[in-house]
Amino acid sequence: RHLNRTGRPMIYSCSWPVYQIYAGINPNFSSIIEHCN
């Protein structure tokens, strides 16, 4: 959201799901799809 508020178009690449998978957490892919490119 902070990236979007700058007004500068920036692709957003997340490592979010892989760290959660390593930790035994089921990632919320609906949210990941919503917030990451």
PDB file of all heavy atoms in Angstrom:
ATOM      1  N   ARG A   1       0.834  -1.207   0.000  1.00  0.00           N
ATOM      2  CA  ARG A   1       0.000   0.000   0.000  1.00  0.00           C
ATOM      3  C   ARG A   1       0.870   1.260   0.000  1.00  0.00           C
ATOM      4  O   ARG A   1       0.549   2.249  -0.671  1.00  0.00           O
ATOM      5  CB  ARG A   1      -0.941  -0.015   1.202  1.00  0.00           C
ATOM      6  CG  ARG A   1      -2.088  -1.014   1.068  1.00  0.00           C
ATOM      7  CD  ARG A   1      -3.127  -0.845   2.158  1.00  0.00           C
ATOM      8  NE  ARG A   1      -2.638  -1.285   3.458  1.00  0.00           N
ATOM      9  CZ  ARG A   1      -2.760  -2.528   3.930  1.00  0.00           C
ATOM     10  NH1 ARG A   1      -3.338  -3.458   3.191  1.00  0.00           N
ATOM     11  NH2 ARG A   1      -2.312  -2.845   5.131  1.00  0.00           N
ATOM     12  N   HIS A   2       1.977   1.212   0.724  1.00  0.00           N
ATOM     13  CA  HIS A   2       2.881   2.362   0.713  1.00  0.00           C
ATOM     14  C   HIS A   2       3.480   2.572  -0.682  1.00  0.00           C
ATOM     15  O   HIS A   2       3.627   3.719  -1.134  1.00  0.00           O
ATOM     16  CB  HIS A   2       3.988   2.188   1.742  1.00  0.00           C
ATOM     17  CG  HIS A   2       3.540   2.368   3.164  1.00  0.00           C
ATOM     18  ND1 HIS A   2       2.927   3.531   3.601  1.00  0.00           N
ATOM     19  CD2 HIS A   2       3.621   1.554   4.249  1.00  0.00           C
ATOM     20  CE1 HIS A   2       2.647   3.415   4.892  1.00  0.00           C
ATOM     21  NE2 HIS A   2       3.051   2.231   5.303  1.00  0.00           N
ATOM     22  N   LEU A   3       3.826   1.489  -1.349  1.00  0.00           N
ATOM     23  CA  LEU A   3       4.334   1.615  -2.717  1.00  0.00           C
ATOM     24  C   LEU A   3       3.281   2.264  -3.617  1.00  0.00           C
ATOM     25  O   LEU A   3       3.586   3.177  -4.406  1.00  0.00           O
ATOM     26  CB  LEU A   3       4.723   0.245  -3.269  1.00  0.00           C
ATOM     27  CG  LEU A   3       5.942  -0.453  -2.656  1.00  0.00           C
ATOM     28  CD1 LEU A   3       6.115  -1.837  -3.274  1.00  0.00           C
ATOM     29  CD2 LEU A   3       7.219   0.371  -2.850  1.00  0.00           C
ATOM     30  N   ASN A   4       2.040   1.809  -3.496  1.00  0.00           N
ATOM     31  CA  ASN A   4       0.979   2.361  -4.341  1.00  0.00           C
ATOM     32  C   ASN A   4       0.735   3.842  -4.058  1.00  0.00           C
ATOM     33  O   ASN A   4       0.488   4.629  -4.986  1.00  0.00           O
ATOM     34  CB  ASN A   4      -0.322   1.578  -4.129  1.00  0.00           C
ATOM     35  CG  ASN A   4      -0.326   0.272  -4.899  1.00  0.00           C
ATOM     36  OD1 ASN A   4       0.504   0.037  -5.766  1.00  0.00           O
ATOM     37  ND2 ASN A   4      -1.275  -0.594  -4.569  1.00  0.00           N
ATOM     38  N   ARG A   5       0.820   4.221  -2.801  1.00  0.00           N
ATOM     39  CA  ARG A   5       0.533   5.613  -2.442  1.00  0.00           C
ATOM     40  C   ARG A   5       1.573   6.586  -2.982  1.00  0.00           C
ATOM     41  O   ARG A   5       1.313   7.790  -3.063  1.00  0.00           O
ATOM     42  CB  ARG A   5       0.430   5.745  -0.919  1.00  0.00           C
ATOM     43  CG  ARG A   5      -0.819   5.109  -0.324  1.00  0.00           C
ATOM     44  CD  ARG A   5      -0.896   5.314   1.175  1.00  0.00           C
ATOM     45  NE  ARG A   5      -1.960   4.533   1.765  1.00  0.00           N
ATOM     46  CZ  ARG A   5      -1.827   3.703   2.784  1.00  0.00           C
ATOM     47  NH1 ARG A   5      -0.626   3.551   3.357  1.00  0.00           N
ATOM     48  NH2 ARG A   5      -2.860   3.033   3.262  1.00  0.00           N
ATOM     49  N   THR A   6       2.749   6.087  -3.340  1.00  0.00           N
ATOM     50  CA  THR A   6       3.754   7.000  -3.908  1.00  0.00           C
ATOM     51  C   THR A   6       3.344   7.502  -5.282  1.00  0.00           C
ATOM     52  O   THR A   6       3.841   8.532  -5.737  1.00  0.00           O
ATOM     53  CB  THR A   6       5.116   6.291  -4.037  1.00  0.00           C
ATOM     54  OG1 THR A   6       5.041   5.268  -5.048  1.00  0.00           O
ATOM     55  CG2 THR A   6       5.572   5.708  -2.714  1.00  0.00           C
ATOM     56  N   GLY A   7       2.467   6.772  -5.950  1.00  0.00           N
ATOM     57  CA  GLY A   7       2.086   7.128  -7.314  1.00  0.00           C
ATOM     58  C   GLY A   7       3.063   6.635  -8.361  1.00  0.00           C
ATOM     59  O   GLY A   7       2.826   6.809  -9.558  1.00  0.00           O
ATOM     60  N   ARG A   8       4.142   6.029  -7.935  1.00  0.00           N
ATOM     61  CA  ARG A   8       5.152   5.497  -8.855  1.00  0.00           C
ATOM     62  C   ARG A   8       4.807   4.037  -9.174  1.00  0.00           C
ATOM     63  O   ARG A   8       4.708   3.214  -8.256  1.00  0.00           O
ATOM     64  CB  ARG A   8       6.540   5.564  -8.212  1.00  0.00           C
ATOM     65  CG  ARG A   8       7.657   4.868  -8.999  1.00  0.00           C
ATOM     66  CD  ARG A   8       8.107   5.685 -10.165  1.00  0.00           C
ATOM     67  NE  ARG A   8       9.064   4.957 -10.990  1.00  0.00           N
ATOM     68  CZ  ARG A   8       9.497   5.391 -12.155  1.00  0.00           C
ATOM     69  NH1 ARG A   8       9.081   6.556 -12.630  1.00  0.00           N
ATOM     70  NH2 ARG A   8      10.371   4.700 -12.854  1.00  0.00           N
ATOM     71  N   PRO A   9       4.607   3.664 -10.435  1.00  0.00           N
ATOM     72  CA  PRO A   9       4.314   2.254 -10.750  1.00  0.00           C
ATOM     73  C   PRO A   9       5.535   1.385 -10.457  1.00  0.00           C
ATOM     74  O   PRO A   9       6.594   1.554 -11.075  1.00  0.00           O
ATOM     75  CB  PRO A   9       3.995   2.275 -12.250  1.00  0.00           C
ATOM     76  CG  PRO A   9       3.751   3.713 -12.597  1.00  0.00           C
ATOM     77  CD  PRO A   9       4.592   4.514 -11.651  1.00  0.00           C
ATOM     78  N   MET A  10       5.395   0.464  -9.523  1.00  0.00           N
ATOM     79  CA  MET A  10       6.501  -0.437  -9.163  1.00  0.00           C
ATOM     80  C   MET A  10       5.972  -1.857  -9.038  1.00  0.00           C
ATOM     81  O   MET A  10       5.073  -2.120  -8.230  1.00  0.00           O
ATOM     82  CB  MET A  10       7.143   0.006  -7.838  1.00  0.00           C
ATOM     83  CG  MET A  10       7.934   1.303  -7.929  1.00  0.00           C
ATOM     84  SD  MET A  10       8.724   1.794  -6.352  1.00  0.00           S
ATOM     85  CE  MET A  10       7.420   2.857  -5.651  1.00  0.00           C
ATOM     86  N   ILE A  11       6.513  -2.772  -9.830  1.00  0.00           N
ATOM     87  CA  ILE A  11       6.193  -4.185  -9.647  1.00  0.00           C
ATOM     88  C   ILE A  11       6.609  -4.596  -8.242  1.00  0.00           C
ATOM     89  O   ILE A  11       7.667  -4.206  -7.757  1.00  0.00           O
ATOM     90  CB  ILE A  11       6.902  -5.041 -10.708  1.00  0.00           C
ATOM     91  CG1 ILE A  11       6.166  -4.932 -12.046  1.00  0.00           C
ATOM     92  CG2 ILE A  11       7.009  -6.497 -10.277  1.00  0.00           C
ATOM     93  CD1 ILE A  11       6.785  -5.772 -13.150  1.00  0.00           C
ATOM     94  N   TYR A  12       5.777  -5.402  -7.603  1.00  0.00           N
ATOM     95  CA  TYR A  12       6.013  -5.804  -6.214  1.00  0.00           C
ATOM     96  C   TYR A  12       6.188  -7.318  -6.169  1.00  0.00           C
ATOM     97  O   TYR A  12       5.244  -8.075  -6.362  1.00  0.00           O
ATOM     98  CB  TYR A  12       4.832  -5.362  -5.360  1.00  0.00           C
ATOM     99  CG  TYR A  12       4.980  -5.559  -3.871  1.00  0.00           C
ATOM    100  CD1 TYR A  12       6.224  -5.605  -3.245  1.00  0.00           C
ATOM    101  CD2 TYR A  12       3.844  -5.682  -3.075  1.00  0.00           C
ATOM    102  CE1 TYR A  12       6.333  -5.772  -1.875  1.00  0.00           C
ATOM    103  CE2 TYR A  12       3.935  -5.846  -1.693  1.00  0.00           C
ATOM    104  CZ  TYR A  12       5.178  -5.894  -1.105  1.00  0.00           C
ATOM    105  OH  TYR A  12       5.288  -6.065   0.249  1.00  0.00           O
ATOM    106  N   SER A  13       7.419  -7.752  -5.901  1.00  0.00           N
ATOM    107  CA  SER A  13       7.766  -9.165  -5.818  1.00  0.00           C
ATOM    108  C   SER A  13       7.913  -9.565  -4.361  1.00  0.00           C
ATOM    109  O   SER A  13       8.732  -8.997  -3.637  1.00  0.00           O
ATOM    110  CB  SER A  13       9.076  -9.426  -6.569  1.00  0.00           C
ATOM    111  OG  SER A  13       9.521 -10.750  -6.371  1.00  0.00           O
ATOM    112  N   CYS A  14       7.129 -10.552  -3.933  1.00  0.00           N
ATOM    113  CA  CYS A  14       7.058 -10.932  -2.521  1.00  0.00           C
ATOM    114  C   CYS A  14       7.680 -12.313  -2.286  1.00  0.00           C
ATOM    115  O   CYS A  14       7.478 -13.234  -3.076  1.00  0.00           O
ATOM    116  CB  CYS A  14       5.599 -10.987  -2.060  1.00  0.00           C
ATOM    117  SG  CYS A  14       4.675  -9.452  -2.296  1.00  0.00           S
ATOM    118  N   SER A  15       8.372 -12.446  -1.165  1.00  0.00           N
ATOM    119  CA  SER A  15       8.833 -13.761  -0.709  1.00  0.00           C
ATOM    120  C   SER A  15       7.926 -14.307   0.398  1.00  0.00           C
ATOM    121  O   SER A  15       8.252 -15.321   1.023  1.00  0.00           O
ATOM    122  CB  SER A  15      10.276 -13.664  -0.203  1.00  0.00           C
ATOM    123  OG  SER A  15      11.149 -13.315  -1.244  1.00  0.00           O
ATOM    124  N   TRP A  16       6.842 -13.681   0.608  1.00  0.00           N
ATOM    125  CA  TRP A  16       5.848 -13.966   1.640  1.00  0.00           C
ATOM    126  C   TRP A  16       5.489 -15.448   1.757  1.00  0.00           C
ATOM    127  O   TRP A  16       5.672 -16.067   2.818  1.00  0.00           O
ATOM    128  CB  TRP A  16       4.658 -13.082   1.321  1.00  0.00           C
ATOM    129  CG  TRP A  16       3.416 -13.153   2.126  1.00  0.00           C
ATOM    130  CD1 TRP A  16       3.141 -13.912   3.223  1.00  0.00           C
ATOM    131  CD2 TRP A  16       2.231 -12.377   1.871  1.00  0.00           C
ATOM    132  NE1 TRP A  16       1.860 -13.662   3.666  1.00  0.00           N
ATOM    133  CE2 TRP A  16       1.279 -12.726   2.854  1.00  0.00           C
ATOM    134  CE3 TRP A  16       1.887 -11.429   0.915  1.00  0.00           C
ATOM    135  CZ2 TRP A  16       0.006 -12.167   2.892  1.00  0.00           C
ATOM    136  CZ3 TRP A  16       0.629 -10.867   0.947  1.00  0.00           C
ATOM    137  CH2 TRP A  16      -0.307 -11.228   1.934  1.00  0.00           C
ATOM    138  N   PRO A  17       4.978 -16.116   0.687  1.00  0.00           N
ATOM    139  CA  PRO A  17       4.500 -17.483   0.897  1.00  0.00           C
ATOM    140  C   PRO A  17       5.595 -18.477   1.233  1.00  0.00           C
ATOM    141  O   PRO A  17       5.378 -19.392   2.042  1.00  0.00           O
ATOM    142  CB  PRO A  17       3.811 -17.835  -0.423  1.00  0.00           C
ATOM    143  CG  PRO A  17       4.325 -16.859  -1.406  1.00  0.00           C
ATOM    144  CD  PRO A  17       4.660 -15.624  -0.663  1.00  0.00           C
ATOM    145  N   VAL A  18       6.784 -18.348   0.646  1.00  0.00           N
ATOM    146  CA  VAL A  18       7.809 -19.366   0.870  1.00  0.00           C
ATOM    147  C   VAL A  18       8.244 -19.405   2.330  1.00  0.00           C
ATOM    148  O   VAL A  18       8.456 -20.488   2.896  1.00  0.00           O
ATOM    149  CB  VAL A  18       9.010 -19.167  -0.076  1.00  0.00           C
ATOM    150  CG1 VAL A  18       9.760 -17.881   0.201  1.00  0.00           C
ATOM    151  CG2 VAL A  18       9.948 -20.363  -0.001  1.00  0.00           C
ATOM    152  N   TYR A  19       8.343 -18.250   2.985  1.00  0.00           N
ATOM    153  CA  TYR A  19       8.734 -18.255   4.396  1.00  0.00           C
ATOM    154  C   TYR A  19       7.643 -18.853   5.279  1.00  0.00           C
ATOM    155  O   TYR A  19       7.931 -19.525   6.269  1.00  0.00           O
ATOM    156  CB  TYR A  19       9.086 -16.836   4.845  1.00  0.00           C
ATOM    157  CG  TYR A  19      10.442 -16.398   4.350  1.00  0.00           C
ATOM    158  CD1 TYR A  19      10.580 -15.675   3.173  1.00  0.00           C
ATOM    159  CD2 TYR A  19      11.603 -16.726   5.045  1.00  0.00           C
ATOM    160  CE1 TYR A  19      11.822 -15.291   2.700  1.00  0.00           C
ATOM    161  CE2 TYR A  19      12.849 -16.335   4.591  1.00  0.00           C
ATOM    162  CZ  TYR A  19      12.956 -15.617   3.412  1.00  0.00           C
ATOM    163  OH  TYR A  19      14.195 -15.242   2.949  1.00  0.00           O
ATOM    164  N   GLN A  20       6.402 -18.630   4.920  1.00  0.00           N
ATOM    165  CA  GLN A  20       5.324 -19.231   5.695  1.00  0.00           C
ATOM    166  C   GLN A  20       5.255 -20.744   5.476  1.00  0.00           C
ATOM    167  O   GLN A  20       5.013 -21.500   6.424  1.00  0.00           O
ATOM    168  CB  GLN A  20       3.989 -18.567   5.334  1.00  0.00           C
ATOM    169  CG  GLN A  20       3.915 -17.114   5.789  1.00  0.00           C
ATOM    170  CD  GLN A  20       2.509 -16.545   5.723  1.00  0.00           C
ATOM    171  OE1 GLN A  20       1.697 -16.959   4.895  1.00  0.00           O
ATOM    172  NE2 GLN A  20       2.222 -15.591   6.588  1.00  0.00           N
ATOM    173  N   ILE A  21       5.491 -21.180   4.249  1.00  0.00           N
ATOM    174  CA  ILE A  21       5.520 -22.619   3.981  1.00  0.00           C
ATOM    175  C   ILE A  21       6.630 -23.274   4.795  1.00  0.00           C
ATOM    176  O   ILE A  21       6.447 -24.337   5.396  1.00  0.00           O
ATOM    177  CB  ILE A  21       5.693 -22.875   2.470  1.00  0.00           C
ATOM    178  CG1 ILE A  21       4.420 -22.450   1.713  1.00  0.00           C
ATOM    179  CG2 ILE A  21       5.998 -24.351   2.205  1.00  0.00           C
ATOM    180  CD1 ILE A  21       4.575 -22.416   0.207  1.00  0.00           C
ATOM    181  N   TYR A  22       7.803 -22.646   4.829  1.00  0.00           N
ATOM    182  CA  TYR A  22       8.900 -23.173   5.645  1.00  0.00           C
ATOM    183  C   TYR A  22       8.503 -23.275   7.123  1.00  0.00           C
ATOM    184  O   TYR A  22       8.950 -24.177   7.836  1.00  0.00           O
ATOM    185  CB  TYR A  22      10.127 -22.270   5.536  1.00  0.00           C
ATOM    186  CG  TYR A  22      10.870 -22.338   4.225  1.00  0.00           C
ATOM    187  CD1 TYR A  22      11.692 -21.294   3.825  1.00  0.00           C
ATOM    188  CD2 TYR A  22      10.768 -23.443   3.389  1.00  0.00           C
ATOM    189  CE1 TYR A  22      12.395 -21.342   2.634  1.00  0.00           C
ATOM    190  CE2 TYR A  22      11.453 -23.490   2.184  1.00  0.00           C
ATOM    191  CZ  TYR A  22      12.268 -22.441   1.816  1.00  0.00           C
ATOM    192  OH  TYR A  22      12.950 -22.500   0.636  1.00  0.00           O
ATOM    193  N   ALA A  23       7.670 -22.340   7.576  1.00  0.00           N
ATOM    194  CA  ALA A  23       7.272 -22.305   8.984  1.00  0.00           C
ATOM    195  C   ALA A  23       6.058 -23.187   9.278  1.00  0.00           C
ATOM    196  O   ALA A  23       5.575 -23.201  10.414  1.00  0.00           O
ATOM    197  CB  ALA A  23       6.979 -20.864   9.399  1.00  0.00           C
ATOM    198  N   GLY A  24       5.557 -23.897   8.285  1.00  0.00           N
ATOM    199  CA  GLY A  24       4.407 -24.768   8.486  1.00  0.00           C
ATOM    200  C   GLY A  24       3.081 -24.041   8.468  1.00  0.00           C
ATOM    201  O   GLY A  24       2.069 -24.566   8.943  1.00  0.00           O
ATOM    202  N   ILE A  25       3.052 -22.836   7.899  1.00  0.00           N
ATOM    203  CA  ILE A  25       1.832 -22.031   7.813  1.00  0.00           C
ATOM    204  C   ILE A  25       1.267 -22.151   6.402  1.00  0.00           C
ATOM    205  O   ILE A  25       2.014 -22.086   5.425  1.00  0.00           O
ATOM    206  CB  ILE A  25       2.138 -20.549   8.134  1.00  0.00           C
ATOM    207  CG1 ILE A  25       2.718 -20.421   9.547  1.00  0.00           C
ATOM    208  CG2 ILE A  25       0.900 -19.675   7.968  1.00  0.00           C
ATOM    209  CD1 ILE A  25       3.299 -19.043   9.829  1.00  0.00           C
ATOM    210  N   ASN A  26      -0.036 -22.315   6.293  1.00  0.00           N
ATOM    211  CA  ASN A  26      -0.672 -22.307   4.980  1.00  0.00           C
ATOM    212  C   ASN A  26      -0.866 -20.869   4.520  1.00  0.00           C
ATOM    213  O   ASN A  26      -1.639 -20.123   5.126  1.00  0.00           O
ATOM    214  CB  ASN A  26      -2.026 -23.023   5.025  1.00  0.00           C
ATOM    215  CG  ASN A  26      -1.884 -24.512   5.222  1.00  0.00           C
ATOM    216  OD1 ASN A  26      -0.964 -25.136   4.702  1.00  0.00           O
ATOM    217  ND2 ASN A  26      -2.799 -25.110   5.989  1.00  0.00           N
ATOM    218  N   PRO A  27      -0.171 -20.447   3.465  1.00  0.00           N
ATOM    219  CA  PRO A  27      -0.296 -19.055   3.027  1.00  0.00           C
ATOM    220  C   PRO A  27      -1.715 -18.717   2.574  1.00  0.00           C
ATOM    221  O   PRO A  27      -2.416 -19.555   2.012  1.00  0.00           O
ATOM    222  CB  PRO A  27       0.689 -18.961   1.857  1.00  0.00           C
ATOM    223  CG  PRO A  27       1.629 -20.101   2.046  1.00  0.00           C
ATOM    224  CD  PRO A  27       0.812 -21.194   2.669  1.00  0.00           C
ATOM    225  N   ASN A  28      -2.096 -17.477   2.807  1.00  0.00           N
ATOM    226  CA  ASN A  28      -3.380 -16.968   2.346  1.00  0.00           C
ATOM    227  C   ASN A  28      -3.197 -16.440   0.926  1.00  0.00           C
ATOM    228  O   ASN A  28      -2.885 -15.265   0.718  1.00  0.00           O
ATOM    229  CB  ASN A  28      -3.876 -15.862   3.283  1.00  0.00           C
ATOM    230  CG  ASN A  28      -5.217 -15.302   2.861  1.00  0.00           C
ATOM    231  OD1 ASN A  28      -5.739 -15.612   1.788  1.00  0.00           O
ATOM    232  ND2 ASN A  28      -5.788 -14.445   3.693  1.00  0.00           N
ATOM    233  N   PHE A  29      -3.366 -17.323  -0.055  1.00  0.00           N
ATOM    234  CA  PHE A  29      -3.069 -16.925  -1.425  1.00  0.00           C
ATOM    235  C   PHE A  29      -4.061 -15.912  -1.975  1.00  0.00           C
ATOM    236  O   PHE A  29      -3.718 -15.155  -2.887  1.00  0.00           O
ATOM    237  CB  PHE A  29      -2.951 -18.151  -2.329  1.00  0.00           C
ATOM    238  CG  PHE A  29      -1.591 -18.790  -2.276  1.00  0.00           C
ATOM    239  CD1 PHE A  29      -1.395 -19.964  -1.577  1.00  0.00           C
ATOM    240  CD2 PHE A  29      -0.503 -18.203  -2.896  1.00  0.00           C
ATOM    241  CE1 PHE A  29      -0.136 -20.551  -1.512  1.00  0.00           C
ATOM    242  CE2 PHE A  29       0.753 -18.773  -2.842  1.00  0.00           C
ATOM    243  CZ  PHE A  29       0.940 -19.942  -2.140  1.00  0.00           C
ATOM    244  N   SER A  30      -5.258 -15.865  -1.454  1.00  0.00           N
ATOM    245  CA  SER A  30      -6.184 -14.818  -1.891  1.00  0.00           C
ATOM    246  C   SER A  30      -5.607 -13.449  -1.579  1.00  0.00           C
ATOM    247  O   SER A  30      -5.669 -12.521  -2.399  1.00  0.00           O
ATOM    248  CB  SER A  30      -7.543 -14.988  -1.213  1.00  0.00           C
ATOM    249  OG  SER A  30      -8.169 -16.181  -1.624  1.00  0.00           O
ATOM    250  N   SER A  31      -5.030 -13.300  -0.396  1.00  0.00           N
ATOM    251  CA  SER A  31      -4.417 -12.033  -0.020  1.00  0.00           C
ATOM    252  C   SER A  31      -3.126 -11.798  -0.791  1.00  0.00           C
ATOM    253  O   SER A  31      -2.833 -10.665  -1.223  1.00  0.00           O
ATOM    254  CB  SER A  31      -4.138 -12.011   1.482  1.00  0.00           C
ATOM    255  OG  SER A  31      -3.583 -10.777   1.884  1.00  0.00           O
ATOM    256  N   ILE A  32      -2.340 -12.846  -0.992  1.00  0.00           N
ATOM    257  CA  ILE A  32      -1.085 -12.709  -1.736  1.00  0.00           C
ATOM    258  C   ILE A  32      -1.360 -12.258  -3.162  1.00  0.00           C
ATOM    259  O   ILE A  32      -0.689 -11.359  -3.693  1.00  0.00           O
ATOM    260  CB  ILE A  32      -0.311 -14.038  -1.696  1.00  0.00           C
ATOM    261  CG1 ILE A  32       0.175 -14.320  -0.266  1.00  0.00           C
ATOM    262  CG2 ILE A  32       0.866 -14.023  -2.659  1.00  0.00           C
ATOM    263  CD1 ILE A  32       0.641 -15.735  -0.037  1.00  0.00           C
ATOM    264  N   ILE A  33      -2.350 -12.867  -3.804  1.00  0.00           N
ATOM    265  CA  ILE A  33      -2.725 -12.473  -5.162  1.00  0.00           C
ATOM    266  C   ILE A  33      -3.185 -11.018  -5.194  1.00  0.00           C
ATOM    267  O   ILE A  33      -2.898 -10.269  -6.133  1.00  0.00           O
ATOM    268  CB  ILE A  33      -3.843 -13.393  -5.683  1.00  0.00           C
ATOM    269  CG1 ILE A  33      -3.288 -14.805  -5.927  1.00  0.00           C
ATOM    270  CG2 ILE A  33      -4.485 -12.840  -6.951  1.00  0.00           C
ATOM    271  CD1 ILE A  33      -4.360 -15.846  -6.159  1.00  0.00           C
ATOM    272  N   GLU A  34      -3.891 -10.614  -4.160  1.00  0.00           N
ATOM    273  CA  GLU A  34      -4.414  -9.246  -4.112  1.00  0.00           C
ATOM    274  C   GLU A  34      -3.318  -8.209  -3.968  1.00  0.00           C
ATOM    275  O   GLU A  34      -3.421  -7.107  -4.500  1.00  0.00           O
ATOM    276  CB  GLU A  34      -5.399  -9.110  -2.946  1.00  0.00           C
ATOM    277  CG  GLU A  34      -6.038  -7.737  -2.832  1.00  0.00           C
ATOM    278  CD  GLU A  34      -7.016  -7.629  -1.685  1.00  0.00           C
ATOM    279  OE1 GLU A  34      -7.285  -8.672  -1.041  1.00  0.00           O
ATOM    280  OE2 GLU A  34      -7.495  -6.520  -1.431  1.00  0.00           O
ATOM    281  N   HIS A  35      -2.234  -8.562  -3.273  1.00  0.00           N
ATOM    282  CA  HIS A  35      -1.256  -7.543  -2.900  1.00  0.00           C
ATOM    283  C   HIS A  35       0.096  -7.651  -3.590  1.00  0.00           C
ATOM    284  O   HIS A  35       0.915  -6.732  -3.458  1.00  0.00           O
ATOM    285  CB  HIS A  35      -1.049  -7.573  -1.384  1.00  0.00           C
ATOM    286  CG  HIS A  35      -2.255  -7.162  -0.606  1.00  0.00           C
ATOM    287  ND1 HIS A  35      -3.072  -8.082   0.021  1.00  0.00           N
ATOM    288  CD2 HIS A  35      -2.798  -5.948  -0.383  1.00  0.00           C
ATOM    289  CE1 HIS A  35      -4.070  -7.426   0.618  1.00  0.00           C
ATOM    290  NE2 HIS A  35      -3.931  -6.143   0.386  1.00  0.00           N
ATOM    291  N   CYS A  36       0.369  -8.731  -4.311  1.00  0.00           N
ATOM    292  CA  CYS A  36       1.690  -8.931  -4.909  1.00  0.00           C
ATOM    293  C   CYS A  36       1.567  -9.219  -6.403  1.00  0.00           C
ATOM    294  O   CYS A  36       0.628  -9.885  -6.837  1.00  0.00           O
ATOM    295  CB  CYS A  36       2.415 -10.094  -4.239  1.00  0.00           C
ATOM    296  SG  CYS A  36       2.657  -9.911  -2.452  1.00  0.00           S
ATOM    297  N   ASN A  37       2.563  -8.757  -7.157  1.00  0.00           N
ATOM    298  CA  ASN A  37       2.609  -9.065  -8.587  1.00  0.00           C
ATOM    299  C   ASN A  37       3.248 -10.414  -8.866  1.00  0.00           C
ATOM    300  O   ASN A  37       2.948 -11.046  -9.880  1.00  0.00           O
ATOM    301  CB  ASN A  37       3.390  -7.996  -9.355  1.00  0.00           C
ATOM    302  CG  ASN A  37       2.687  -6.653  -9.370  1.00  0.00           C
ATOM    303  OD1 ASN A  37       3.211  -5.666  -8.872  1.00  0.00           O
ATOM    304  ND2 ASN A  37       1.497  -6.600  -9.954  1.00  0.00           N
TER     305      ASN A  37
END
